[in-house]
Protein backbone atom coordinates (compact mmCIF):
# COMPACT_ATOMS: atom_id res chain seq x y z
CA MET A 1 0.07 0.12 0.02
CA THR A 2 1.47 3.61 -0.94
CA ASP A 3 1.46 5.90 1.95
CA ASN A 4 0.39 9.21 0.39
CA GLN A 5 0.76 11.22 3.61
CA THR A 6 2.50 14.35 3.88
CA PRO A 7 5.51 14.38 5.87
CA PRO A 8 5.20 16.50 8.90
CA GLU A 9 7.81 19.04 7.91
CA GLN A 10 6.16 19.78 4.60
CA GLN A 11 2.58 20.25 6.14
CA GLU A 12 1.46 23.89 6.04
CA PRO A 13 1.00 25.63 9.50
CA LEU A 14 -2.47 26.63 10.38
CA ILE A 15 -1.50 30.62 10.17
CA PRO A 16 0.95 31.08 7.50
CA PRO A 17 4.24 32.40 8.64
CA VAL A 18 4.07 35.35 6.65
CA TYR A 19 0.87 36.50 8.21
CA LEU A 20 2.57 36.38 11.59
CA LEU A 21 5.41 38.60 10.22
CA GLY A 22 3.25 41.08 9.02
CA ILE A 23 1.39 41.12 12.42
CA GLY A 24 4.62 41.53 14.31
CA LEU A 25 5.74 44.40 12.22
CA GLY A 26 2.28 45.97 12.50
CA GLY A 27 2.29 45.51 16.25
CA LEU A 28 5.73 47.35 16.49
CA PHE A 29 4.69 50.07 14.25
CA LEU A 30 1.64 50.65 16.44
CA ALA A 31 3.68 50.47 19.66
CA LEU A 32 5.96 53.21 18.33
CA LEU A 33 3.07 54.99 16.94
CA VAL A 34 1.37 55.33 20.23
CA GLY A 35 4.69 56.08 22.15
CA ILE A 36 5.41 59.13 19.78
CA SER A 37 1.73 60.54 20.09
CA GLN A 38 0.77 59.73 23.71
CA PRO A 39 2.51 60.86 26.84
CA GLU A 40 2.37 57.25 28.18
CA LEU A 41 2.36 54.18 26.25
CA GLY A 42 -0.57 52.94 28.19
CA ALA A 43 -2.53 49.40 27.56
CA LEU A 44 -2.59 49.86 23.94
CA GLY A 45 0.96 50.56 23.24
CA PHE A 46 2.10 47.57 25.52
CA GLY A 47 -0.52 45.25 24.25
CA ALA A 48 0.75 46.28 20.61
CA LEU A 49 4.42 45.71 21.55
CA GLY A 50 3.65 42.43 23.27
CA ILE A 51 1.65 41.05 20.21
CA GLY A 52 4.30 42.30 17.82
CA LEU A 53 7.07 40.44 19.77
CA LEU A 54 5.07 37.41 20.31
CA SER A 55 4.22 37.34 16.49
CA LEU A 56 7.97 37.76 15.62
CA VAL A 57 8.80 34.93 17.80
CA ALA A 58 6.00 32.71 16.50
CA TRP A 59 7.14 33.52 12.89
CA ALA A 60 10.72 32.73 13.72
CA LEU A 61 9.57 29.39 15.00
CA LEU A 62 7.24 28.63 12.17
CA ALA A 63 9.55 29.60 9.42
CA PRO A 64 13.06 29.29 10.78
CA GLN A 65 14.48 29.28 7.26
CA GLN A 66 13.13 32.63 6.67
CA ALA A 67 14.23 34.09 9.85
CA VAL A 68 17.82 32.76 9.08
CA ALA A 69 17.63 34.05 5.67
CA VAL A 70 16.91 37.30 7.01
CA LEU A 71 20.41 37.27 9.16
CA THR A 72 22.57 35.38 6.59
CA GLY A 73 20.82 36.05 3.32
CA ARG A 74 21.95 38.27 0.31
CA THR A 75 20.43 41.11 1.98
CA ALA A 76 22.11 40.78 5.26
CA ARG A 77 25.61 40.10 3.54
CA PHE A 78 25.65 43.15 1.16
CA GLY A 79 23.54 45.29 3.72
CA GLY A 80 25.37 44.13 7.05
CA VAL A 81 28.10 46.94 6.94
CA SER A 82 25.21 49.61 6.35
CA PHE A 83 23.22 48.21 9.13
CA PHE A 84 26.22 48.14 11.52
CA VAL A 85 27.41 51.73 10.57
CA THR A 86 23.79 52.90 11.13
CA ILE A 87 23.30 51.34 14.54
CA LEU A 88 26.95 52.81 15.57
CA LEU A 89 25.82 56.28 14.37
CA ILE A 90 22.76 56.19 16.31
CA ALA A 91 24.60 54.90 19.35
CA ALA A 92 27.00 57.67 19.14
CA LEU A 93 24.12 60.24 18.85
CA ILE A 94 22.66 58.85 21.94
CA VAL A 95 26.24 59.16 23.96
CA VAL A 96 26.53 62.99 22.40
CA TYR A 97 22.88 63.70 23.66
CA ILE A 98 23.32 62.21 26.93
CA PHE A 99 26.68 64.03 27.49
CA VAL A 100 25.10 67.36 26.23
CA ARG A 101 22.05 67.04 28.60
CA ASN A 102 24.32 66.14 31.71
CA GLN A 103 26.04 69.53 30.75
CA GLU A 104 22.73 71.39 31.25
CA VAL A 105 23.30 73.66 28.45
CA ARG A 106 20.56 75.59 27.48
CA LEU A 107 19.80 77.39 24.17
CA ASP A 108 16.26 78.63 23.42
CA LEU A 109 16.06 79.14 19.76
CA THR A 110 12.70 80.15 19.62
CA GLU A 111 11.98 83.92 18.58
CA SER A 112 9.47 84.52 21.39
CA ASP A 113 11.54 82.95 24.29
CA ALA A 114 8.89 80.37 24.90
CA PHE A 115 11.52 78.32 27.10
CA SER A 116 13.41 80.79 28.81
CA LEU A 117 13.04 84.38 30.50
CA THR A 118 12.87 87.63 28.73
CA GLU A 119 15.28 90.32 29.76
CA GLU A 120 12.00 92.13 31.58
CA SER A 121 11.15 88.97 33.50
CA ARG A 122 14.80 88.18 34.57
CA ALA A 123 15.47 91.99 35.74
CA ALA A 124 12.13 91.64 37.55
CA VAL A 125 12.95 88.42 39.65
CA ALA A 126 16.47 88.39 39.82
CA PRO A 127 16.82 90.50 42.97
CA PHE A 128 14.89 87.77 45.03
CA ALA A 129 18.00 86.00 45.26
CA SER A 130 19.80 88.57 47.26
CA ASP A 131 16.61 89.87 49.33
CA PRO A 132 15.94 88.33 52.45
CA ASN A 133 12.69 90.21 52.96
CA VAL A 134 11.23 88.28 49.93
CA PRO A 135 9.59 85.05 50.97
CA ARG A 136 10.09 81.73 49.14
CA ILE A 137 7.45 81.20 46.33
CA ARG A 138 5.95 78.57 44.80
CA VAL A 139 4.44 77.98 41.30
CA LEU A 140 2.04 75.23 41.00
CA ALA A 141 1.15 74.28 37.46
CA PHE A 142 -1.82 72.13 36.71
CA PHE A 143 -1.81 69.64 33.76
CA SER A 144 -3.77 66.65 32.34
CA ALA A 145 -2.06 63.61 30.89
CA SER A 146 -2.72 64.74 27.28
CA GLN A 147 -0.69 67.98 27.72
CA ALA A 148 2.69 66.53 27.85
CA ASP A 149 4.08 68.82 25.21
CA VAL A 150 2.78 71.99 27.07
CA ARG A 151 4.09 70.42 30.44
CA GLU A 152 7.50 70.19 29.09
CA ARG A 153 7.47 73.83 27.93
CA VAL A 154 6.29 74.98 30.89
CA ASP A 155 8.90 72.88 32.78
CA LEU A 156 11.71 74.45 30.95
CA LEU A 157 10.17 78.12 31.50
CA LEU A 158 9.80 77.47 35.20
CA SER A 159 13.07 76.02 35.62
CA ASP A 160 14.56 79.35 34.52
CA TYR A 161 12.86 81.17 37.14
CA GLN A 162 14.20 79.00 39.84
CA GLU A 163 17.79 79.45 38.59
CA ALA A 164 17.25 83.04 38.10
CA THR A 165 16.07 83.65 41.58
CA GLY A 166 18.71 81.26 43.37
CA GLY A 167 15.89 78.96 44.35
CA LYS A 168 13.69 81.29 46.08
CA VAL A 169 11.01 80.59 43.36
CA ASP A 170 10.49 76.96 42.96
CA TYR A 171 7.58 74.89 41.36
CA GLN A 172 5.64 71.63 41.08
CA LEU A 173 3.97 70.13 37.90
CA ILE A 174 0.77 68.54 39.11
CA ASP A 175 -1.49 66.02 37.39
CA ILE A 176 -4.99 67.66 37.94
CA ASP A 177 -6.55 64.19 37.59
CA ARG A 178 -4.62 62.19 39.87
CA GLN A 179 -4.62 65.13 42.52
CA PRO A 180 -7.78 66.82 42.36
CA GLY A 181 -7.77 67.85 45.87
CA ILE A 182 -4.85 70.01 45.62
CA ALA A 183 -6.56 71.81 42.63
CA SER A 184 -9.68 72.15 44.57
CA LEU A 185 -8.13 73.41 47.47
CA TYR A 186 -6.48 76.54 45.39
CA GLY A 187 -9.84 77.11 43.29
CA VAL A 188 -8.26 75.56 39.99
CA THR A 189 -10.90 74.51 37.76
CA ALA A 190 -9.19 73.18 34.54
CA ALA A 191 -6.00 71.95 33.37
CA GLY A 192 -3.50 74.59 32.08
CA GLN A 193 -4.04 76.66 35.10
CA ALA A 194 -1.43 77.62 37.70
CA VAL A 195 -0.95 78.93 41.09
CA VAL A 196 1.27 81.23 42.59
CA VAL A 197 1.63 80.93 46.42
CA LYS A 198 4.06 82.19 49.10
CA ASP A 199 5.66 80.82 52.06
CA ASN A 200 3.92 82.13 55.30
CA PRO A 201 5.60 80.15 58.40
CA ALA A 202 3.16 82.14 60.78
CA LEU A 203 0.02 79.97 59.56
CA ALA A 204 1.91 76.67 60.72
CA GLY A 205 -0.70 75.17 63.16
CA GLN A 206 -3.76 77.74 62.23
CA PRO A 207 -6.98 76.02 60.89
CA ILE A 208 -7.66 75.87 57.50
CA VAL A 209 -10.77 76.15 55.81
CA GLN A 210 -11.32 72.59 54.52
CA ASP A 211 -13.29 71.46 51.52
CA PRO A 212 -15.16 68.27 52.06
CA ALA A 213 -15.10 67.16 48.77
CA ALA A 214 -11.15 67.91 48.13
CA ALA A 215 -10.50 65.90 51.44
CA ALA A 216 -12.76 62.76 50.09
CA THR A 217 -10.85 62.91 46.97
CA ASP A 218 -7.09 63.43 48.07
CA SER A 219 -6.01 62.09 51.32
CA ALA A 220 -3.00 64.35 51.35
CA PHE A 221 -5.38 67.27 52.11
CA SER A 222 -7.76 65.65 54.77
CA ILE A 223 -5.51 67.91 57.23
CA GLN A 224 -7.25 70.31 59.63
CA THR A 225 -4.51 72.91 60.26
CA TYR A 226 -1.79 74.34 57.85
CA GLN A 227 1.32 72.45 58.09
CA PRO A 228 5.00 72.97 56.28
CA ASP A 229 6.00 70.26 53.87
CA GLU A 230 9.12 68.46 54.13
CA THR A 231 11.03 71.41 53.00
CA GLY A 232 9.47 73.68 55.70
CA PHE A 233 7.12 75.48 53.06
CA THR A 234 4.06 76.70 54.47
CA ALA A 235 1.52 77.54 51.71
CA ASP A 236 -0.29 80.81 52.44
CA VAL A 237 -3.35 79.35 50.49
CA ASP A 238 -5.71 82.08 51.00
CA ASN A 239 -3.51 84.89 49.40
CA ALA A 240 -2.42 82.62 46.45
CA GLU A 241 -2.74 84.16 42.90
CA THR A 242 -4.48 82.13 40.20
CA ILE A 243 -3.27 82.21 36.66
CA THR A 244 -5.91 80.85 33.95
CA SER A 245 -3.41 81.15 31.08
CA ILE A 246 0.17 80.05 31.74
CA THR A 247 2.24 82.66 29.77
CA GLN A 248 5.57 84.43 31.00
CA GLN A 249 4.00 87.59 31.54
CA ASN A 250 1.16 86.11 33.79
CA ILE A 251 3.72 84.03 35.44
CA THR A 252 6.14 87.15 36.15
CA ASN A 253 3.27 89.63 37.45
CA ALA A 254 1.72 86.79 39.77
CA ILE A 255 5.19 86.15 41.36
CA LEU A 256 5.48 89.96 42.04
CA ARG A 257 2.22 90.42 43.22
CA VAL A 258 2.62 87.38 45.84
CA ALA A 259 6.10 88.76 46.91
CA ALA A 260 4.65 92.03 47.31
CA ASP A 261 4.16 92.96 50.98
CA GLY A 262 1.86 96.04 51.06
CA ASP A 263 0.50 97.17 54.39
CA PHE A 264 -3.18 98.53 53.96
CA LYS A 265 -5.74 98.67 56.92
CA ALA A 266 -9.31 99.22 56.82
CA TYR A 267 -10.96 100.59 59.99
CA VAL A 268 -14.63 99.79 60.53
CA VAL A 269 -16.48 102.29 62.99
CA ASN A 270 -18.87 100.96 65.52
CA VAL A 271 -21.59 103.18 65.72
CA GLN A 272 -24.98 103.17 67.44
CA ASN A 273 -27.37 100.74 65.31
CA GLY A 274 -24.94 100.31 62.96
CA VAL A 275 -24.52 97.46 60.52
CA ALA A 276 -20.67 96.58 61.18
CA ASP A 277 -21.70 92.97 61.94
CA ARG A 278 -23.49 92.39 58.72
CA LEU A 279 -20.02 93.22 56.59
CA SER A 280 -18.60 89.55 56.51
CA VAL A 281 -18.29 89.32 52.64
CA VAL A 282 -16.54 92.69 52.25
CA ARG A 283 -14.35 91.83 55.31
CA GLN A 284 -13.31 88.49 53.69
CA VAL A 285 -12.46 90.40 50.32
CA MET A 286 -10.33 92.90 52.11
CA GLN A 287 -8.65 90.29 54.51
CA ASP A 288 -8.42 87.10 52.43
CA GLY A 289 -8.51 88.55 48.71
CA PHE A 290 -6.31 91.66 49.28
CA GLY A 291 -4.25 90.77 52.57
CA TRP A 292 -5.32 94.10 54.39
CA THR A 293 -5.70 94.23 58.05
CA VAL A 294 -9.48 94.87 59.04
CA GLU A 295 -9.97 96.39 62.41
CA ASP A 296 -13.19 97.46 64.37
CA LEU A 297 -13.06 100.43 66.51
CA SER A 298 -15.02 103.04 68.09
CA LEU A 299 -14.41 106.95 67.51
CA ILE A 300 -14.42 107.84 71.26
CA THR A 301 -11.42 105.11 71.70
CA LEU A 302 -9.22 107.12 69.23
CA THR A 303 -9.37 110.24 71.76
CA ALA A 304 -7.80 108.33 74.64
CA PRO A 305 -4.17 109.00 75.52
CA GLU A 306 -3.54 105.40 75.61
CA THR A 307 -4.84 104.53 72.15
CA GLU A 308 -2.12 102.57 70.07
CA ILE A 309 -4.06 103.34 66.71
CA GLN A 310 -2.62 106.12 64.55
CA LEU A 311 -4.57 107.45 61.71
CA ASN A 312 -3.06 108.85 58.79
CA ASP A 313 -0.01 106.59 59.41
CA PRO A 314 2.72 107.37 57.14
CA ASN A 315 4.26 103.95 57.34
CA LEU A 316 1.04 102.17 55.75
CA ASP A 317 0.70 102.03 52.32
CA GLY A 318 -2.80 102.77 52.35
CA GLU A 319 -5.70 103.25 55.14
CA VAL A 320 -9.59 103.58 54.74
CA MET A 321 -12.15 104.66 57.41
CA ILE A 322 -15.81 102.75 56.93
CA ILE A 323 -18.76 104.27 58.84
CA PRO A 324 -21.55 101.83 58.01
CA GLY A 325 -25.06 103.26 59.04
CA GLY A 326 -26.02 104.32 62.46
CA SER A 327 -29.20 106.13 63.94
CA ALA A 328 -27.65 108.47 66.19
CA ALA A 329 -25.55 111.67 65.26
CA LEU A 330 -21.72 111.53 66.44
CA THR A 331 -20.99 113.45 69.28
CA PRO A 332 -18.59 116.54 69.27
CA GLU A 333 -15.54 114.07 69.99
CA GLU A 334 -16.19 111.89 67.64
CA LEU A 335 -17.18 114.14 64.81
CA ALA A 336 -13.74 115.87 65.61
CA VAL A 337 -11.91 112.72 65.22
CA VAL A 338 -13.43 112.31 61.71
CA GLN A 339 -12.97 116.00 60.82
CA ASP A 340 -8.94 115.82 61.58
CA TYR A 341 -8.66 112.75 59.88
CA LEU A 342 -10.31 114.10 56.73
CA ASN A 343 -8.47 117.16 56.75
CA ALA A 344 -4.93 115.37 57.34
CA GLY A 345 -5.84 113.72 53.85
CA GLY A 346 -7.69 110.69 55.37
CA ASP A 347 -10.08 108.56 53.24
CA LEU A 348 -13.68 107.85 54.33
CA VAL A 349 -16.50 105.63 53.43
CA LEU A 350 -19.82 106.68 54.41
CA TYR A 351 -22.84 104.29 54.06
CA ALA A 352 -26.00 106.48 55.14
CA GLY A 353 -28.38 104.50 57.46
CA ASP A 354 -32.16 105.13 56.95
CA SER A 355 -34.60 107.36 59.20
CA PHE A 356 -37.01 104.44 59.79
CA ASN A 357 -36.37 104.34 63.61
CA ASP A 358 -38.08 106.10 66.59
CA SER A 359 -36.21 109.18 66.19
CA LEU A 360 -36.87 109.51 62.40
CA THR A 361 -33.33 110.38 61.67
CA SER A 362 -29.81 108.79 61.34
CA LEU A 363 -26.11 109.63 61.66
CA ALA A 364 -25.63 110.32 58.18
CA VAL A 365 -28.28 113.43 58.20
CA ASP A 366 -26.76 114.98 61.17
CA PRO A 367 -26.82 118.77 60.31
CA VAL A 368 -23.47 119.19 61.86
CA LEU A 369 -21.92 116.54 60.02
CA ASN A 370 -23.59 117.37 57.00
CA GLU A 371 -22.30 120.99 57.13
CA TYR A 372 -18.89 120.13 57.23
CA LEU A 373 -19.12 117.66 54.23
CA PHE A 374 -20.88 120.25 52.15
CA THR A 375 -18.55 122.97 53.09
CA THR A 376 -15.58 120.78 52.89
CA PHE A 377 -16.29 118.19 50.14
CA GLY A 378 -19.55 119.54 48.41
CA ILE A 379 -21.72 116.60 49.29
CA ARG A 380 -24.97 116.96 51.35
CA ILE A 381 -27.03 113.67 52.55
CA ASN A 382 -30.59 114.64 52.40
CA ASN A 383 -33.13 113.70 55.20
CA ASP A 384 -35.60 111.85 52.84
CA VAL A 385 -36.22 108.67 51.15
CA VAL A 386 -35.89 107.74 47.38
CA LEU A 387 -38.86 105.93 45.79
CA ASP A 388 -39.25 104.32 42.30
CA ASP A 389 -42.36 102.58 41.41
CA ARG A 390 -41.16 101.41 37.89
CA GLN A 391 -37.57 100.33 38.31
CA ALA A 392 -37.20 98.84 41.79
CA ALA A 393 -36.36 95.55 43.37
CA GLN A 394 -39.01 94.52 45.72
CA SER A 395 -40.72 97.85 46.24
CA ALA A 396 -40.71 101.38 45.47
CA LEU A 397 -38.37 101.60 48.48
CA SER A 398 -35.83 99.54 46.66
CA PRO A 399 -34.54 101.69 43.66
CA VAL A 400 -32.61 99.99 41.12
CA ALA A 401 -29.72 101.91 39.29
CA LEU A 402 -28.87 100.46 35.82
CA GLU A 403 -25.92 102.94 35.10
CA GLY A 404 -22.80 104.13 36.85
CA ASN A 405 -20.42 107.04 35.77
CA LEU A 406 -17.92 105.45 33.14
CA SER A 407 -15.41 108.21 33.63
CA HIS A 408 -14.61 107.36 37.01
CA PRO A 409 -12.55 104.37 38.14
CA ILE A 410 -14.86 103.10 40.73
CA THR A 411 -17.62 102.74 38.29
CA ALA A 412 -15.75 102.73 34.91
CA GLU A 413 -15.84 98.79 34.59
CA PHE A 414 -19.82 98.76 34.94
CA LEU A 415 -21.18 98.79 31.43
CA GLN A 416 -24.71 96.96 32.47
CA PRO A 417 -24.73 97.05 36.17
CA VAL A 418 -27.26 96.33 38.40
CA PHE A 419 -27.32 98.36 41.62
CA ILE A 420 -29.76 98.05 44.70
CA PHE A 421 -30.16 101.13 46.91
CA ASP A 422 -32.66 99.99 49.53
CA LEU A 423 -34.29 102.81 51.63
CA ALA A 424 -31.75 105.12 49.87
CA ARG A 425 -31.62 108.84 50.49
CA SER A 426 -30.83 111.41 47.95
CA LEU A 427 -27.44 113.27 47.77
CA THR A 428 -27.18 117.11 46.75
CA ILE A 429 -24.00 118.04 44.79
CA SER A 430 -22.67 121.50 45.14
CA ASP A 431 -22.64 123.56 41.89
CA THR A 432 -19.41 125.37 43.19
CA PRO A 433 -17.28 122.83 45.00
CA PRO A 434 -14.80 123.51 47.69
CA PRO A 435 -11.25 125.10 46.25
CA ASN A 436 -8.91 122.10 45.17
CA VAL A 437 -12.04 119.56 45.45
CA THR A 438 -13.44 117.76 42.84
CA VAL A 439 -17.27 116.40 43.33
CA THR A 440 -18.47 113.47 40.89
CA PRO A 441 -21.71 111.63 41.02
CA LEU A 442 -21.14 107.85 40.55
CA VAL A 443 -24.50 106.32 40.67
CA SER A 444 -27.90 107.72 39.96
CA SER A 445 -31.69 106.52 40.04
CA SER A 446 -33.81 106.35 36.92
CA GLU A 447 -35.82 109.59 35.68
CA ASN A 448 -38.86 108.01 37.18
CA ALA A 449 -37.57 108.48 40.99
CA TRP A 450 -38.81 111.03 43.47
CA THR A 451 -38.06 111.68 47.33
CA THR A 452 -40.49 112.21 50.19
CA THR A 453 -39.87 112.79 53.80
CA GLU A 454 -43.31 111.35 55.13
CA PHE A 455 -41.41 108.47 57.07
CA THR A 456 -44.24 107.99 59.49
CA ALA A 457 -46.91 107.45 56.74
CA ILE A 458 -44.46 104.86 54.96
CA VAL A 459 -43.97 103.01 58.22
CA ASN A 460 -48.03 103.09 58.94
CA ASN A 461 -48.33 101.91 55.36
CA GLU A 462 -50.47 105.28 54.43
CA TYR A 463 -48.42 106.68 52.19
CA GLU A 464 -49.56 107.68 48.83
CA ALA A 465 -47.48 109.62 46.20
CA PRO A 466 -49.17 112.67 45.31
CA ALA A 467 -50.44 113.32 41.93
CA ASP A 468 -48.03 116.26 41.29
CA ILE A 469 -44.62 114.43 42.41
CA VAL A 470 -41.50 115.81 40.57
CA ARG A 471 -39.91 112.78 39.16
CA GLY A 472 -36.06 112.74 38.03
CA PRO A 473 -32.75 110.97 38.62
CA GLN A 474 -31.70 111.24 42.30
CA VAL A 475 -27.99 111.10 42.99
CA LEU A 476 -27.26 107.67 44.98
CA ALA A 477 -23.56 107.83 45.21
CA ALA A 478 -20.97 110.20 45.03
CA VAL A 479 -17.11 110.88 45.48
CA ALA A 480 -15.02 113.91 46.31
CA GLU A 481 -11.44 114.35 46.19
CA ASN A 482 -9.06 117.27 47.54
CA THR A 483 -6.25 117.33 45.20
CA VAL A 484 -4.01 119.19 47.66
CA THR A 485 -4.60 117.38 50.95
CA GLY A 486 -5.02 114.03 49.13
CA ALA A 487 -8.18 113.29 51.27
CA ARG A 488 -10.91 111.21 49.49
CA LEU A 489 -14.73 110.81 50.30
CA VAL A 490 -17.20 108.40 49.16
CA VAL A 491 -20.75 108.61 50.36
CA PHE A 492 -23.30 105.80 49.70
CA SER A 493 -27.02 106.99 50.33
CA SER A 494 -27.85 103.40 51.65
CA VAL A 495 -26.18 100.52 53.49
CA SER A 496 -27.15 98.09 50.83
CA PRO A 497 -24.17 98.24 48.71
CA VAL A 498 -21.75 96.78 51.78
CA ILE A 499 -24.22 94.73 53.91
CA ASP A 500 -24.20 90.89 53.50
CA ASP A 501 -27.84 90.57 52.50
CA TYR A 502 -27.51 92.21 48.94
CA LEU A 503 -24.29 90.55 47.98
CA GLN A 504 -25.41 87.10 47.59
CA TYR A 505 -27.41 87.99 44.34
CA GLN A 506 -25.25 86.79 41.10
CA ASN A 507 -26.59 89.71 39.03
CA VAL A 508 -26.28 92.54 41.31
CA ASN A 509 -23.20 94.47 41.26
CA ASN A 510 -23.33 95.75 45.09
CA LEU A 511 -20.16 93.95 46.28
CA GLN A 512 -17.95 95.09 43.38
CA LEU A 513 -19.30 98.64 43.84
CA SER A 514 -18.10 98.76 47.58
CA VAL A 515 -14.83 96.84 46.68
CA ASN A 516 -13.84 99.38 43.95
CA ALA A 517 -14.60 102.07 46.47
CA VAL A 518 -11.94 101.09 49.02
CA VAL A 519 -9.58 99.98 46.31
CA TRP A 520 -9.39 103.32 44.55
CA MET A 521 -9.45 105.27 47.84
CA THR A 522 -6.55 103.80 49.40
CA GLY A 523 -4.59 103.59 46.07
CA PHE A 524 -4.42 99.72 45.95
CA ASP A 525 -5.10 99.74 42.42
CA SER A 526 -1.73 101.81 41.72
CA PHE A 527 -0.10 99.98 44.13
CA ALA A 528 -0.91 96.75 42.13
CA ARG A 529 0.23 98.26 38.83
CA GLN A 530 3.52 99.34 40.16
CA ILE A 531 4.65 95.51 40.31
CA THR A 532 3.26 94.63 37.05
CA VAL A 533 5.96 93.85 34.30
CA ASP A 534 4.95 94.27 30.74
CA GLN A 535 6.62 92.20 28.21
CA PRO A 536 7.66 93.91 24.77
CA VAL A 537 5.58 93.22 22.07
CA ARG A 538 7.32 91.58 19.37
CA PRO A 539 6.43 91.07 15.49
CA GLN A 540 6.73 87.34 16.02
CA ASP A 541 4.14 87.59 18.68
CA GLN A 542 1.22 88.88 16.71
CA PRO A 543 -1.18 86.17 15.82
CA MET A 544 -1.77 84.97 12.39
CA PHE A 545 -5.50 84.44 11.28
CA ILE A 546 -6.55 82.02 8.59
CA THR A 547 -9.61 80.90 7.23
CA GLN A 548 -10.90 77.32 7.61
CA GLN A 549 -10.04 76.46 4.07
CA GLN A 550 -6.55 77.90 4.24
CA LEU A 551 -6.11 75.67 7.23
CA ARG A 552 -7.39 72.64 5.60
CA ASP A 553 -4.95 73.57 2.68
CA VAL A 554 -2.02 73.60 4.82
CA ASN A 555 -3.14 70.23 6.53
CA LEU A 556 -3.11 68.73 3.08
CA LEU A 557 0.08 70.06 2.11
CA THR A 558 2.01 69.35 5.36
CA VAL A 559 0.24 65.69 6.43
CA PHE A 560 -0.15 64.22 2.78
CA VAL A 561 1.80 66.14 -0.12
CA LEU A 562 5.17 66.70 1.57
CA PRO A 563 5.60 63.18 3.10
CA PHE A 564 4.01 61.20 0.39
CA GLY A 565 5.67 63.27 -2.15
CA VAL A 566 9.16 62.38 -0.52
CA LEU A 567 8.17 58.77 -0.29
CA ALA A 568 6.97 58.69 -4.24
CA ILE A 569 10.41 60.34 -5.19
CA GLY A 570 12.25 57.67 -3.09
CA VAL A 571 10.44 54.86 -4.60
CA TYR A 572 11.13 56.59 -8.28
CA VAL A 573 14.80 56.73 -7.67
CA TRP A 574 14.76 53.30 -6.42
CA TRP A 575 12.98 52.14 -9.51
CA ALA A 576 14.87 54.12 -11.82
CA ASN A 577 18.33 52.42 -10.37
CA ARG A 578 16.80 49.28 -10.62
CA GLU A 579 16.13 49.46 -14.35
CA ARG A 580 19.57 51.10 -14.78
CA ARG A 581 21.30 47.90 -13.15
CA ARG A 582 19.09 45.36 -15.37
CA SER A 583 20.10 47.34 -18.41
């Protein structure tokens, strides 16, 4: 009987070896592609690499002749020297790269200094190294896993800050997805943002305001008190500067603002039936947002010989006195303190309280006080109430102002504001201001408003607007400045712009109005501008705008035409040389 069975060595394998070779090369190529395009190799990259290597091993086992031919065949014999020389060249380049990298030689070839400090930034932060009064400063930059290229660029830039300041400024690069608690602690909401914070050893051991969500997601911040890290750095979280766009100018200016140690004070005067206990939001902005010192005091204590408070202190960068409401007139001694303070160039914010009380009067409408304000600053607070039945919040007693004086720094930013002045008085502006004094209305009611002095009728709910009322805009806030003494006075006709009750509404601008007032009065805005460095505007920094069609054309040229064109030229040269050898 004839045995027709094929010998085992001649049987075709279930999977042709050439398929395994293709899978192996494809897997290695995919792993290389993932390694180039992604910050981490990840599951896909490692999977492709494993499949590729296993496929190549299987190919070598199933087709040993092909594997040997690759190593000993004609291609290997004639191309072995070229392959060896190529490997040797690559190894030499790797050695040179490692040597140069270890020398820490840096050369920024970008025209916009994307990886190094400009001359302006370097000149601004270089003195930190030798100034013992400048605290340690840390830059926390937050990135996601997909921002490896931006992270590398920022890493180089921040390392230049660290070197230029002699280590006084250091930095940390944080993965926002792996450490969301740190981002939440500083109020960072998205990757690509940064925070600049200074070292404040005095905070060590003090309680920290804890975010429950942050503590739940990041155990590293489930602490109850400020604690220094392993380097002794105690982050002053409350006074940190947030950078929404990481640019060199933003980083430099944030570092300068954090390093600046301006001394500003706000004195909140406690008066009878005042609202000093309802200013928590404004207090928090001044204390935590600006780093000011906020002190409560009574005017009578300033007349005591043992008082330690010095008004118009020349050692301060700025100070302001705030009188929030009040139902009783100031005593002669208290009024003398206010007058002396203003005459010496002090700054005062006066929030007028209403007259809906037993005496139907308030501190703000005291005749003696008003006579002084009118003759010295050209502003008088009238003993009336403003009503507006067409543009109001809850009732006609809560007029709403929708415009501000765009020519004054306090209200210049409000293009479409909403200000609520509840139980407001009208203000009278002098037609002929005192010498060296400029008086400016800041906020006025609508043209539908009017005033009345019938407080009792309003309290008893018996008031009816007469048919012949004279309607017209009423001044609700005004500012006066003495250009010789430097004294500044801001008068609000109601306590609404400063008390917490009206600061909880998102679409109402009362809070920012009050904040802008104290910022302008103390010169805090000028102080902040003094520590701002503007980078030079260079032609290469100007953005170029192209249409979507132009963008598609650029992509077509760079992604397809150029690489595949070079490939086609290479194939043509190879084919031409092959035909030439044949002939």
